PDB file of N, CA and C in Angstrom:
ATOM      1  N   MET A   1      -1.088  27.163  33.465  1.00  0.00           N
ATOM      2  CA  MET A   1      -1.143  26.987  32.360  1.00  0.00           C
ATOM      3  C   MET A   1      -0.609  27.507  31.083  1.00  0.00           C
ATOM      4  N   TRP A   2      -0.264  27.184  29.962  1.00  0.00           N
ATOM      5  CA  TRP A   2       0.243  28.007  28.996  1.00  0.00           C
ATOM      6  C   TRP A   2      -1.046  28.928  28.174  1.00  0.00           C
ATOM      7  N   VAL A   3      -2.469  28.063  28.394  1.00  0.00           N
ATOM      8  CA  VAL A   3      -3.327  28.507  27.593  1.00  0.00           C
ATOM      9  C   VAL A   3      -4.149  29.921  27.879  1.00  0.00           C
ATOM     10  N   ARG A   4      -3.615  30.204  29.870  1.00  0.00           N
ATOM     11  CA  ARG A   4      -4.154  31.255  29.985  1.00  0.00           C
ATOM     12  C   ARG A   4      -3.677  32.282  29.189  1.00  0.00           C
ATOM     13  N   PHE A   5      -2.258  32.276  28.740  1.00  0.00           N
ATOM     14  CA  PHE A   5      -2.069  33.142  28.274  1.00  0.00           C
ATOM     15  C   PHE A   5      -2.011  33.826  27.107  1.00  0.00           C
ATOM     16  N   LEU A   6      -2.687  32.793  26.259  1.00  0.00           N
ATOM     17  CA  LEU A   6      -3.612  33.061  24.914  1.00  0.00           C
ATOM     18  C   LEU A   6      -4.392  34.519  24.974  1.00  0.00           C
ATOM     19  N   PRO A   7      -4.313  35.189  23.649  1.00  0.00           N
ATOM     20  CA  PRO A   7      -5.308  36.430  23.860  1.00  0.00           C
ATOM     21  C   PRO A   7      -6.459  35.708  23.463  1.00  0.00           C
ATOM     22  N   ARG A   8      -7.425  36.451  24.220  1.00  0.00           N
ATOM     23  CA  ARG A   8      -9.058  36.426  24.043  1.00  0.00           C
ATOM     24  C   ARG A   8      -9.382  36.582  22.498  1.00  0.00           C
ATOM     25  N   LEU A   9      -9.971  35.479  21.823  1.00  0.00           N
ATOM     26  CA  LEU A   9     -10.365  35.611  20.459  1.00  0.00           C
ATOM     27  C   LEU A   9     -11.938  36.287  20.334  1.00  0.00           C
ATOM     28  N   LEU A  10     -11.885  36.879  19.521  1.00  0.00           N
ATOM     29  CA  LEU A  10     -13.032  37.806  19.274  1.00  0.00           C
ATOM     30  C   LEU A  10     -14.147  36.907  18.461  1.00  0.00           C
ATOM     31  N   LYS A  11     -15.254  36.491  19.201  1.00  0.00           N
ATOM     32  CA  LYS A  11     -16.303  35.331  18.812  1.00  0.00           C
ATOM     33  C   LYS A  11     -17.252  36.184  17.855  1.00  0.00           C
ATOM     34  N   ILE A  12     -17.319  36.073  16.797  1.00  0.00           N
ATOM     35  CA  ILE A  12     -18.468  36.830  15.947  1.00  0.00           C
ATOM     36  C   ILE A  12     -19.529  36.110  15.957  1.00  0.00           C
ATOM     37  N   THR A  13     -20.410  36.300  16.453  1.00  0.00           N
ATOM     38  CA  THR A  13     -21.769  36.337  16.498  1.00  0.00           C
ATOM     39  C   THR A  13     -22.717  37.009  15.307  1.00  0.00           C
ATOM     40  N   PRO A  14     -24.037  36.265  15.259  1.00  0.00           N
ATOM     41  CA  PRO A  14     -24.905  36.980  14.440  1.00  0.00           C
ATOM     42  C   PRO A  14     -25.113  38.527  14.798  1.00  0.00           C
ATOM     43  N   SER A  15     -25.412  38.709  15.742  1.00  0.00           N
ATOM     44  CA  SER A  15     -25.192  40.312  16.409  1.00  0.00           C
ATOM     45  C   SER A  15     -24.193  41.051  15.888  1.00  0.00           C
ATOM     46  N   SER A  16     -23.121  40.166  16.296  1.00  0.00           N
ATOM     47  CA  SER A  16     -21.495  41.378  16.293  1.00  0.00           C
ATOM     48  C   SER A  16     -21.330  41.563  14.603  1.00  0.00           C
ATOM     49  N   GLU A  17     -22.119  40.165  13.951  1.00  0.00           N
ATOM     50  CA  GLU A  17     -21.696  40.515  12.583  1.00  0.00           C
ATOM     51  C   GLU A  17     -22.700  41.645  11.975  1.00  0.00           C
ATOM     52  N   ALA A  18     -23.338  42.045  12.398  1.00  0.00           N
ATOM     53  CA  ALA A  18     -24.197  43.242  11.542  1.00  0.00           C
ATOM     54  C   ALA A  18     -23.276  44.480  12.186  1.00  0.00           C
ATOM     55  N   ALA A  19     -22.515  44.700  12.952  1.00  0.00           N
ATOM     56  CA  ALA A  19     -21.641  45.623  13.018  1.00  0.00           C
ATOM     57  C   ALA A  19     -21.104  45.748  12.338  1.00  0.00           C
ATOM     58  N   PHE A  20     -20.361  45.210  11.393  1.00  0.00           N
ATOM     59  CA  PHE A  20     -19.527  45.707  10.440  1.00  0.00           C
ATOM     60  C   PHE A  20     -20.264  45.953   8.946  1.00  0.00           C
ATOM     61  N   SER A  21     -19.372  46.434   8.269  1.00  0.00           N
ATOM     62  CA  SER A  21     -19.760  46.897   7.132  1.00  0.00           C
ATOM     63  C   SER A  21     -19.940  45.772   6.157  1.00  0.00           C
ATOM     64  N   PRO A  22     -20.845  45.831   5.132  1.00  0.00           N
ATOM     65  CA  PRO A  22     -21.117  45.210   3.767  1.00  0.00           C
ATOM     66  C   PRO A  22     -19.864  44.685   3.492  1.00  0.00           C
ATOM     67  N   LYS A  23     -18.610  45.578   3.443  1.00  0.00           N
ATOM     68  CA  LYS A  23     -17.383  45.103   2.739  1.00  0.00           C
ATOM     69  C   LYS A  23     -16.593  44.385   3.556  1.00  0.00           C
ATOM     70  N   VAL A  24     -16.661  44.689   5.106  1.00  0.00           N
ATOM     71  CA  VAL A  24     -15.958  44.166   6.060  1.00  0.00           C
ATOM     72  C   VAL A  24     -16.401  42.489   5.668  1.00  0.00           C
ATOM     73  N   ARG A  25     -17.743  42.127   5.899  1.00  0.00           N
ATOM     74  CA  ARG A  25     -18.241  41.012   6.015  1.00  0.00           C
ATOM     75  C   ARG A  25     -18.133  40.384   4.315  1.00  0.00           C
ATOM     76  N   LEU A  26     -17.661  40.839   3.270  1.00  0.00           N
ATOM     77  CA  LEU A  26     -17.986  40.341   1.927  1.00  0.00           C
ATOM     78  C   LEU A  26     -15.985  39.725   2.195  1.00  0.00           C
ATOM     79  N   TRP A  27     -15.246  40.580   2.726  1.00  0.00           N
ATOM     80  CA  TRP A  27     -13.833  40.021   2.959  1.00  0.00           C
ATOM     81  C   TRP A  27     -13.702  38.729   3.863  1.00  0.00           C
ATOM     82  N   ARG A  28     -14.342  39.076   4.817  1.00  0.00           N
ATOM     83  CA  ARG A  28     -14.336  37.947   5.920  1.00  0.00           C
ATOM     84  C   ARG A  28     -14.814  36.607   4.657  1.00  0.00           C
ATOM     85  N   TYR A  29     -16.084  36.758   4.604  1.00  0.00           N
ATOM     86  CA  TYR A  29     -16.450  35.684   3.574  1.00  0.00           C
ATOM     87  C   TYR A  29     -15.886  34.932   2.637  1.00  0.00           C
ATOM     88  N   ILE A  30     -14.913  35.983   2.087  1.00  0.00           N
ATOM     89  CA  ILE A  30     -13.793  35.369   0.723  1.00  0.00           C
ATOM     90  C   ILE A  30     -12.763  34.809   1.637  1.00  0.00           C
ATOM     91  N   LEU A  31     -12.085  35.715   2.549  1.00  0.00           N
ATOM     92  CA  LEU A  31     -11.079  34.803   3.382  1.00  0.00           C
ATOM     93  C   LEU A  31     -11.341  33.285   3.665  1.00  0.00           C
ATOM     94  N   ARG A  32     -12.954  33.346   4.416  1.00  0.00           N
ATOM     95  CA  ARG A  32     -12.987  32.161   4.771  1.00  0.00           C
ATOM     96  C   ARG A  32     -12.786  30.913   3.993  1.00  0.00           C
ATOM     97  N   THR A  33     -13.967  31.582   2.601  1.00  0.00           N
ATOM     98  CA  THR A  33     -13.762  30.186   1.509  1.00  0.00           C
ATOM     99  C   THR A  33     -12.739  30.258   0.693  1.00  0.00           C
ATOM    100  N   LYS A  34     -11.723  31.211   1.022  1.00  0.00           N
ATOM    101  CA  LYS A  34     -10.200  30.856   0.311  1.00  0.00           C
ATOM    102  C   LYS A  34      -9.505  29.907   1.384  1.00  0.00           C
ATOM    103  N   GLU A  35      -9.636  29.782   2.721  1.00  0.00           N
ATOM    104  CA  GLU A  35      -9.026  29.184   3.709  1.00  0.00           C
ATOM    105  C   GLU A  35      -9.521  27.550   3.551  1.00  0.00           C
ATOM    106  N   LEU A  36     -10.972  27.696   3.594  1.00  0.00           N
ATOM    107  CA  LEU A  36     -11.508  26.296   3.102  1.00  0.00           C
ATOM    108  C   LEU A  36     -10.966  25.106   2.055  1.00  0.00           C
ATOM    109  N   SER A  37     -10.782  26.060   0.952  1.00  0.00           N
ATOM    110  CA  SER A  37     -10.419  25.574  -0.535  1.00  0.00           C
ATOM    111  C   SER A  37      -9.283  25.329  -0.338  1.00  0.00           C
ATOM    112  N   VAL A  38      -8.157  26.316   0.176  1.00  0.00           N
ATOM    113  CA  VAL A  38      -6.953  25.686   0.394  1.00  0.00           C
ATOM    114  C   VAL A  38      -6.842  24.118   1.434  1.00  0.00           C
ATOM    115  N   ALA A  39      -7.496  24.430   2.414  1.00  0.00           N
ATOM    116  CA  ALA A  39      -7.292  22.981   3.515  1.00  0.00           C
ATOM    117  C   ALA A  39      -8.029  22.435   2.105  1.00  0.00           C
ATOM    118  N   LYS A  40      -8.961  22.234   1.296  1.00  0.00           N
ATOM    119  CA  LYS A  40      -9.478  21.136   0.441  1.00  0.00           C
ATOM    120  C   LYS A  40      -8.126  20.525  -0.308  1.00  0.00           C
ATOM    121  N   ASN A  41      -7.802  21.559  -0.836  1.00  0.00           N
ATOM    122  CA  ASN A  41      -6.787  20.996  -1.725  1.00  0.00           C
ATOM    123  C   ASN A  41      -5.283  20.811  -1.076  1.00  0.00           C
ATOM    124  N   LYS A  42      -4.959  20.917   0.138  1.00  0.00           N
ATOM    125  CA  LYS A  42      -3.983  20.159   1.013  1.00  0.00           C
ATOM    126  C   LYS A  42      -4.359  18.881   1.046  1.00  0.00           C
ATOM    127  N   GLN A  43      -5.663  18.438   1.533  1.00  0.00           N
ATOM    128  CA  GLN A  43      -6.158  17.281   2.094  1.00  0.00           C
ATOM    129  C   GLN A  43      -6.027  16.490   0.586  1.00  0.00           C
ATOM    130  N   ALA A  44      -6.369  16.859  -0.453  1.00  0.00           N
ATOM    131  CA  ALA A  44      -6.499  16.208  -1.553  1.00  0.00           C
ATOM    132  C   ALA A  44      -5.413  15.729  -1.753  1.00  0.00           C
ATOM    133  N   ARG A  45      -4.463  16.758  -1.942  1.00  0.00           N
ATOM    134  CA  ARG A  45      -2.960  16.428  -2.570  1.00  0.00           C
ATOM    135  C   ARG A  45      -2.526  15.289  -1.654  1.00  0.00           C
ATOM    136  N   LYS A  46      -2.970  15.374  -0.213  1.00  0.00           N
ATOM    137  CA  LYS A  46      -2.205  14.489   0.423  1.00  0.00           C
ATOM    138  C   LYS A  46      -2.704  13.222   0.664  1.00  0.00           C
ATOM    139  N   GLN A  47      -3.905  12.856  -0.525  1.00  0.00           N
ATOM    140  CA  GLN A  47      -4.495  11.710  -0.350  1.00  0.00           C
ATOM    141  C   GLN A  47      -4.631  11.248  -1.933  1.00  0.00           C
ATOM    142  N   PRO A  48      -3.353  10.177  -2.070  1.00  0.00           N
ATOM    143  CA  PRO A  48      -3.220  10.122  -3.805  1.00  0.00           C
ATOM    144  C   PRO A  48      -4.663   9.191  -4.079  1.00  0.00           C
ATOM    145  N   ASN A  49      -5.043   8.835  -5.257  1.00  0.00           N
ATOM    146  CA  ASN A  49      -5.927   7.971  -5.667  1.00  0.00           C
ATOM    147  C   ASN A  49      -5.744   6.619  -5.550  1.00  0.00           C
ATOM    148  N   ALA A  50      -6.024   5.706  -5.566  1.00  0.00           N
ATOM    149  CA  ALA A  50      -5.806   4.179  -5.286  1.00  0.00           C
ATOM    150  C   ALA A  50      -4.516   3.624  -6.028  1.00  0.00           C
ATOM    151  N   ILE A  51      -4.692   4.004  -7.210  1.00  0.00           N
ATOM    152  CA  ILE A  51      -3.415   3.218  -8.023  1.00  0.00           C
ATOM    153  C   ILE A  51      -2.197   4.171  -7.856  1.00  0.00           C
ATOM    154  N   GLN A  52      -2.206   5.227  -7.556  1.00  0.00           N
ATOM    155  CA  GLN A  52      -0.852   5.870  -7.349  1.00  0.00           C
ATOM    156  C   GLN A  52      -0.411   5.130  -5.841  1.00  0.00           C
ATOM    157  N   ARG A  53      -1.549   5.203  -4.968  1.00  0.00           N
ATOM    158  CA  ARG A  53      -1.163   4.672  -3.654  1.00  0.00           C
ATOM    159  C   ARG A  53      -0.527   3.150  -3.627  1.00  0.00           C
ATOM    160  N   TYR A  54      -1.294   2.636  -4.664  1.00  0.00           N
ATOM    161  CA  TYR A  54      -1.073   1.183  -4.680  1.00  0.00           C
ATOM    162  C   TYR A  54       0.580   0.931  -5.415  1.00  0.00           C
ATOM    163  N   TYR A  55       0.921   1.593  -6.337  1.00  0.00           N
ATOM    164  CA  TYR A  55       2.392   1.852  -7.201  1.00  0.00           C
ATOM    165  C   TYR A  55       3.418   2.226  -6.051  1.00  0.00           C
ATOM    166  N   ARG A  56       3.108   3.461  -5.144  1.00  0.00           N
ATOM    167  CA  ARG A  56       4.116   3.438  -4.293  1.00  0.00           C
ATOM    168  C   ARG A  56       4.078   2.572  -3.270  1.00  0.00           C
ATOM    169  N   GLU A  57       3.306   1.871  -2.894  1.00  0.00           N
ATOM    170  CA  GLU A  57       3.356   0.837  -1.250  1.00  0.00           C
ATOM    171  C   GLU A  57       3.910  -0.498  -2.535  1.00  0.00           C
ATOM    172  N   THR A  58       3.854  -0.758  -3.352  1.00  0.00           N
ATOM    173  CA  THR A  58       4.402  -1.694  -4.204  1.00  0.00           C
ATOM    174  C   THR A  58       6.247  -1.309  -4.288  1.00  0.00           C
ATOM    175  N   VAL A  59       6.450  -0.603  -4.607  1.00  0.00           N
ATOM    176  CA  VAL A  59       7.801  -0.145  -5.172  1.00  0.00           C
ATOM    177  C   VAL A  59       8.851   0.298  -3.509  1.00  0.00           C
ATOM    178  N   GLY A  60       7.938   0.733  -2.165  1.00  0.00           N
ATOM    179  CA  GLY A  60       8.438   0.574  -0.754  1.00  0.00           C
ATOM    180  C   GLY A  60       8.853  -0.613  -0.501  1.00  0.00           C
ATOM    181  N   GLU A  61       7.644  -1.940  -1.139  1.00  0.00           N
ATOM    182  CA  GLU A  61       8.019  -2.983  -0.730  1.00  0.00           C
ATOM    183  C   GLU A  61       9.342  -3.766  -1.292  1.00  0.00           C
ATOM    184  N   LEU A  62       9.257  -3.397  -2.700  1.00  0.00           N
ATOM    185  CA  LEU A  62      10.213  -3.920  -3.544  1.00  0.00           C
ATOM    186  C   LEU A  62      11.353  -3.424  -2.963  1.00  0.00           C
ATOM    187  N   ARG A  63      11.538  -2.606  -2.302  1.00  0.00           N
ATOM    188  CA  ARG A  63      13.027  -1.779  -1.856  1.00  0.00           C
ATOM    189  C   ARG A  63      13.292  -2.345  -0.607  1.00  0.00           C
ATOM    190  N   LYS A  64      12.407  -3.209   0.120  1.00  0.00           N
ATOM    191  CA  LYS A  64      12.510  -4.034   1.242  1.00  0.00           C
ATOM    192  C   LYS A  64      13.445  -5.297   1.154  1.00  0.00           C
ATOM    193  N   VAL A  65      13.300  -5.553   0.050  1.00  0.00           N
ATOM    194  CA  VAL A  65      13.492  -6.845  -0.071  1.00  0.00           C
ATOM    195  C   VAL A  65      14.705  -6.967  -0.478  1.00  0.00           C
ATOM    196  N   SER A  66      15.604  -8.397   0.307  1.00  0.00           N
ATOM    197  CA  SER A  66      17.130  -8.689   0.359  1.00  0.00           C
ATOM    198  C   SER A  66      17.000  -9.501  -0.789  1.00  0.00           C
ATOM    199  N   TRP A  67      17.514  -8.872  -2.170  1.00  0.00           N
ATOM    200  CA  TRP A  67      17.790  -9.789  -3.534  1.00  0.00           C
ATOM    201  C   TRP A  67      18.776 -10.260  -3.432  1.00  0.00           C
ATOM    202  N   PRO A  68      18.909 -11.524  -3.901  1.00  0.00           N
ATOM    203  CA  PRO A  68      20.168 -12.502  -4.102  1.00  0.00           C
ATOM    204  C   PRO A  68      21.180 -12.056  -5.011  1.00  0.00           C
ATOM    205  N   THR A  69      22.056 -12.160  -4.707  1.00  0.00           N
ATOM    206  CA  THR A  69      23.379 -12.246  -5.600  1.00  0.00           C
ATOM    207  C   THR A  69      23.302 -12.899  -7.128  1.00  0.00           C
ATOM    208  N   ARG A  70      24.032 -12.676  -8.205  1.00  0.00           N
ATOM    209  CA  ARG A  70      23.812 -13.569  -9.346  1.00  0.00           C
ATOM    210  C   ARG A  70      23.911 -14.919  -8.749  1.00  0.00           C
ATOM    211  N   GLN A  71      25.135 -14.671  -8.385  1.00  0.00           N
ATOM    212  CA  GLN A  71      25.766 -16.386  -7.929  1.00  0.00           C
ATOM    213  C   GLN A  71      24.611 -16.971  -7.148  1.00  0.00           C
ATOM    214  N   GLU A  72      24.534 -16.270  -6.026  1.00  0.00           N
ATOM    215  CA  GLU A  72      23.334 -16.865  -5.582  1.00  0.00           C
ATOM    216  C   GLU A  72      21.860 -17.598  -6.085  1.00  0.00           C
ATOM    217  N   ALA A  73      21.732 -16.880  -6.849  1.00  0.00           N
ATOM    218  CA  ALA A  73      20.239 -16.980  -7.581  1.00  0.00           C
ATOM    219  C   ALA A  73      20.720 -18.484  -8.691  1.00  0.00           C
ATOM    220  N   VAL A  74      22.200 -18.035  -9.452  1.00  0.00           N
ATOM    221  CA  VAL A  74      22.354 -19.647 -10.047  1.00  0.00           C
ATOM    222  C   VAL A  74      22.633 -20.516  -9.042  1.00  0.00           C
ATOM    223  N   ASN A  75      23.061 -20.618  -8.202  1.00  0.00           N
ATOM    224  CA  ASN A  75      22.891 -21.922  -7.340  1.00  0.00           C
ATOM    225  C   ASN A  75      21.733 -22.153  -6.563  1.00  0.00           C
ATOM    226  N   LEU A  76      21.028 -21.552  -6.558  1.00  0.00           N
ATOM    227  CA  LEU A  76      19.481 -21.872  -6.067  1.00  0.00           C
ATOM    228  C   LEU A  76      18.949 -22.481  -7.285  1.00  0.00           C
ATOM    229  N   THR A  77      19.090 -21.799  -8.263  1.00  0.00           N
ATOM    230  CA  THR A  77      18.353 -22.254  -9.725  1.00  0.00           C
ATOM    231  C   THR A  77      19.029 -24.235  -9.779  1.00  0.00           C
ATOM    232  N   TYR A  78      19.982 -24.156  -9.741  1.00  0.00           N
ATOM    233  CA  TYR A  78      20.959 -25.329 -10.035  1.00  0.00           C
ATOM    234  C   TYR A  78      20.168 -26.736  -8.775  1.00  0.00           C
ATOM    235  N   ILE A  79      20.007 -26.056  -7.879  1.00  0.00           N
ATOM    236  CA  ILE A  79      19.507 -26.598  -6.930  1.00  0.00           C
ATOM    237  C   ILE A  79      18.075 -27.318  -6.979  1.00  0.00           C
ATOM    238  N   THR A  80      17.206 -26.309  -7.215  1.00  0.00           N
ATOM    239  CA  THR A  80      16.076 -26.454  -7.991  1.00  0.00           C
ATOM    240  C   THR A  80      15.639 -27.390  -8.933  1.00  0.00           C
ATOM    241  N   LEU A  81      16.705 -27.298  -9.822  1.00  0.00           N
ATOM    242  CA  LEU A  81      16.733 -28.410 -11.075  1.00  0.00           C
ATOM    243  C   LEU A  81      17.021 -29.487 -10.507  1.00  0.00           C
ATOM    244  N   ILE A  82      17.981 -29.995  -9.794  1.00  0.00           N
ATOM    245  CA  ILE A  82      18.308 -31.051  -9.520  1.00  0.00           C
ATOM    246  C   ILE A  82      17.381 -31.888  -8.506  1.00  0.00           C
ATOM    247  N   VAL A  83      16.729 -31.215  -7.891  1.00  0.00           N
ATOM    248  CA  VAL A  83      15.798 -31.783  -6.718  1.00  0.00           C
ATOM    249  C   VAL A  83      14.323 -32.147  -7.681  1.00  0.00           C
ATOM    250  N   VAL A  84      14.222 -31.561  -8.620  1.00  0.00           N
ATOM    251  CA  VAL A  84      13.215 -31.357  -9.302  1.00  0.00           C
ATOM    252  C   VAL A  84      13.257 -32.900 -10.349  1.00  0.00           C
ATOM    253  N   VAL A  85      14.249 -32.621 -11.020  1.00  0.00           N
ATOM    254  CA  VAL A  85      14.686 -34.112 -11.814  1.00  0.00           C
ATOM    255  C   VAL A  85      14.870 -35.465 -10.709  1.00  0.00           C
ATOM    256  N   SER A  86      15.331 -35.190  -9.625  1.00  0.00           N
ATOM    257  CA  SER A  86      15.633 -36.391  -8.883  1.00  0.00           C
ATOM    258  C   SER A  86      14.097 -36.951  -8.437  1.00  0.00           C
ATOM    259  N   MET A  87      13.093 -35.762  -7.744  1.00  0.00           N
ATOM    260  CA  MET A  87      11.663 -36.356  -7.480  1.00  0.00           C
ATOM    261  C   MET A  87      11.214 -36.681  -8.903  1.00  0.00           C
ATOM    262  N   SER A  88      11.295 -36.067  -9.810  1.00  0.00           N
ATOM    263  CA  SER A  88      10.574 -36.684 -10.904  1.00  0.00           C
ATOM    264  C   SER A  88      11.084 -38.240 -11.065  1.00  0.00           C
ATOM    265  N   ALA A  89      12.157 -38.362 -11.121  1.00  0.00           N
ATOM    266  CA  ALA A  89      12.995 -40.053 -11.717  1.00  0.00           C
ATOM    267  C   ALA A  89      12.108 -40.863 -10.605  1.00  0.00           C
ATOM    268  N   PHE A  90      12.281 -40.423  -9.066  1.00  0.00           N
ATOM    269  CA  PHE A  90      12.145 -41.419  -8.046  1.00  0.00           C
ATOM    270  C   PHE A  90      10.271 -41.771  -8.207  1.00  0.00           C
ATOM    271  N   LEU A  91       9.637 -40.442  -8.135  1.00  0.00           N
ATOM    272  CA  LEU A  91       8.146 -40.891  -8.762  1.00  0.00           C
ATOM    273  C   LEU A  91       7.853 -41.551 -10.016  1.00  0.00           C
ATOM    274  N   GLY A  92       8.501 -41.638 -11.033  1.00  0.00           N
ATOM    275  CA  GLY A  92       8.679 -42.111 -12.265  1.00  0.00           C
ATOM    276  C   GLY A  92       9.089 -43.848 -11.957  1.00  0.00           C
ATOM    277  N   THR A  93       9.775 -44.247 -11.003  1.00  0.00           N
ATOM    278  CA  THR A  93      10.413 -45.120 -10.969  1.00  0.00           C
ATOM    279  C   THR A  93       8.987 -45.673  -9.863  1.00  0.00           C
ATOM    280  N   LEU A  94       8.981 -45.437  -8.615  1.00  0.00           N
ATOM    281  CA  LEU A  94       7.425 -46.024  -8.404  1.00  0.00           C
ATOM    282  C   LEU A  94       6.400 -46.416  -9.001  1.00  0.00           C
ATOM    283  N   ASP A  95       6.209 -45.398  -9.974  1.00  0.00           N
ATOM    284  CA  ASP A  95       4.673 -45.679 -10.930  1.00  0.00           C
ATOM    285  C   ASP A  95       5.040 -46.762 -11.666  1.00  0.00           C
ATOM    286  N   TYR A  96       6.509 -47.007 -12.426  1.00  0.00           N
ATOM    287  CA  TYR A  96       6.605 -48.064 -13.327  1.00  0.00           C
ATOM    288  C   TYR A  96       6.015 -49.775 -12.069  1.00  0.00           C
ATOM    289  N   LEU A  97       7.356 -49.376 -11.022  1.00  0.00           N
ATOM    290  CA  LEU A  97       6.931 -50.590 -10.090  1.00  0.00           C
ATOM    291  C   LEU A  97       6.006 -50.792  -9.727  1.00  0.00           C
ATOM    292  N   PHE A  98       4.763 -49.749  -9.167  1.00  0.00           N
ATOM    293  CA  PHE A  98       3.343 -49.946  -8.826  1.00  0.00           C
ATOM    294  C   PHE A  98       2.248 -50.555 -10.142  1.00  0.00           C
ATOM    295  N   ASN A  99       2.876 -50.392 -11.280  1.00  0.00           N
ATOM    296  CA  ASN A  99       2.005 -50.488 -12.566  1.00  0.00           C
ATOM    297  C   ASN A  99       2.262 -51.857 -12.681  1.00  0.00           C
ATOM    298  N   ARG A 100       3.682 -52.383 -12.579  1.00  0.00           N
ATOM    299  CA  ARG A 100       3.718 -54.058 -12.960  1.00  0.00           C
ATOM    300  C   ARG A 100       3.566 -54.830 -11.745  1.00  0.00           C
ATOM    301  N   LEU A 101       3.381 -54.179 -10.162  1.00  0.00           N
ATOM    302  CA  LEU A 101       3.221 -54.814  -9.335  1.00  0.00           C
ATOM    303  C   LEU A 101       1.126 -55.402  -9.233  1.00  0.00           C
ATOM    304  N   PHE A 102       0.398 -54.332  -9.793  1.00  0.00           N
ATOM    305  CA  PHE A 102      -0.976 -54.509  -9.977  1.00  0.00           C
ATOM    306  C   PHE A 102      -1.222 -54.905 -11.427  1.00  0.00           C
ATOM    307  N   ALA A 103       0.047 -55.166 -12.603  1.00  0.00           N
ATOM    308  CA  ALA A 103      -0.413 -55.914 -13.672  1.00  0.00           C
ATOM    309  C   ALA A 103      -0.410 -57.622 -13.246  1.00  0.00           C
ATOM    310  N   LEU A 104       0.798 -57.766 -12.591  1.00  0.00           N
ATOM    311  CA  LEU A 104       1.090 -59.300 -12.258  1.00  0.00           C
ATOM    312  C   LEU A 104       0.242 -59.677 -11.359  1.00  0.00           C
ATOM    313  N   ILE A 105      -0.427 -58.940 -10.404  1.00  0.00           N
ATOM    314  CA  ILE A 105      -1.643 -59.243  -9.373  1.00  0.00           C
ATOM    315  C   ILE A 105      -2.782 -59.297 -10.114  1.00  0.00           C
ATOM    316  N   LEU A 106      -3.161 -58.530 -11.316  1.00  0.00           N
ATOM    317  CA  LEU A 106      -4.322 -58.686 -12.084  1.00  0.00           C
ATOM    318  C   LEU A 106      -4.110 -60.054 -12.866  1.00  0.00           C
ATOM    319  N   SER A 107      -2.903 -60.391 -13.134  1.00  0.00           N
ATOM    320  CA  SER A 107      -3.056 -61.707 -13.983  1.00  0.00           C
ATOM    321  C   SER A 107      -3.491 -62.556 -13.439  1.00  0.00           C
ATOM    322  N   PHE A 108      -3.582 -63.089 -12.158  1.00  0.00           N
ATOM    323  CA  PHE A 108      -3.467 -64.023 -11.501  1.00  0.00           C
ATOM    324  C   PHE A 108      -5.171 -64.957 -11.670  1.00  0.00           C
TER     325      PHE A 108
END
């Protein structure tokens, strides 16, 4: 396995830490805290807030939409208007006929 060929890393234990001078320990502490702060900054940059994420996802979804051409939109609008007007006329006629029928029945 390739793991065997990795060099053994020095394990720093509290007893081995005492062997280093205070300057070395200070520098190790500074480097360790910098690494942690850099890692936190990277993670913070990777996760945008909810508003940014919502905006980006919305724009991404809108790019996936296959938008109709202008001519297709006009044709679909005409079809919608024709269906709405014809259904309104049909339902209006039915309403008028049922109204007359019930008026005739109730007049007896």
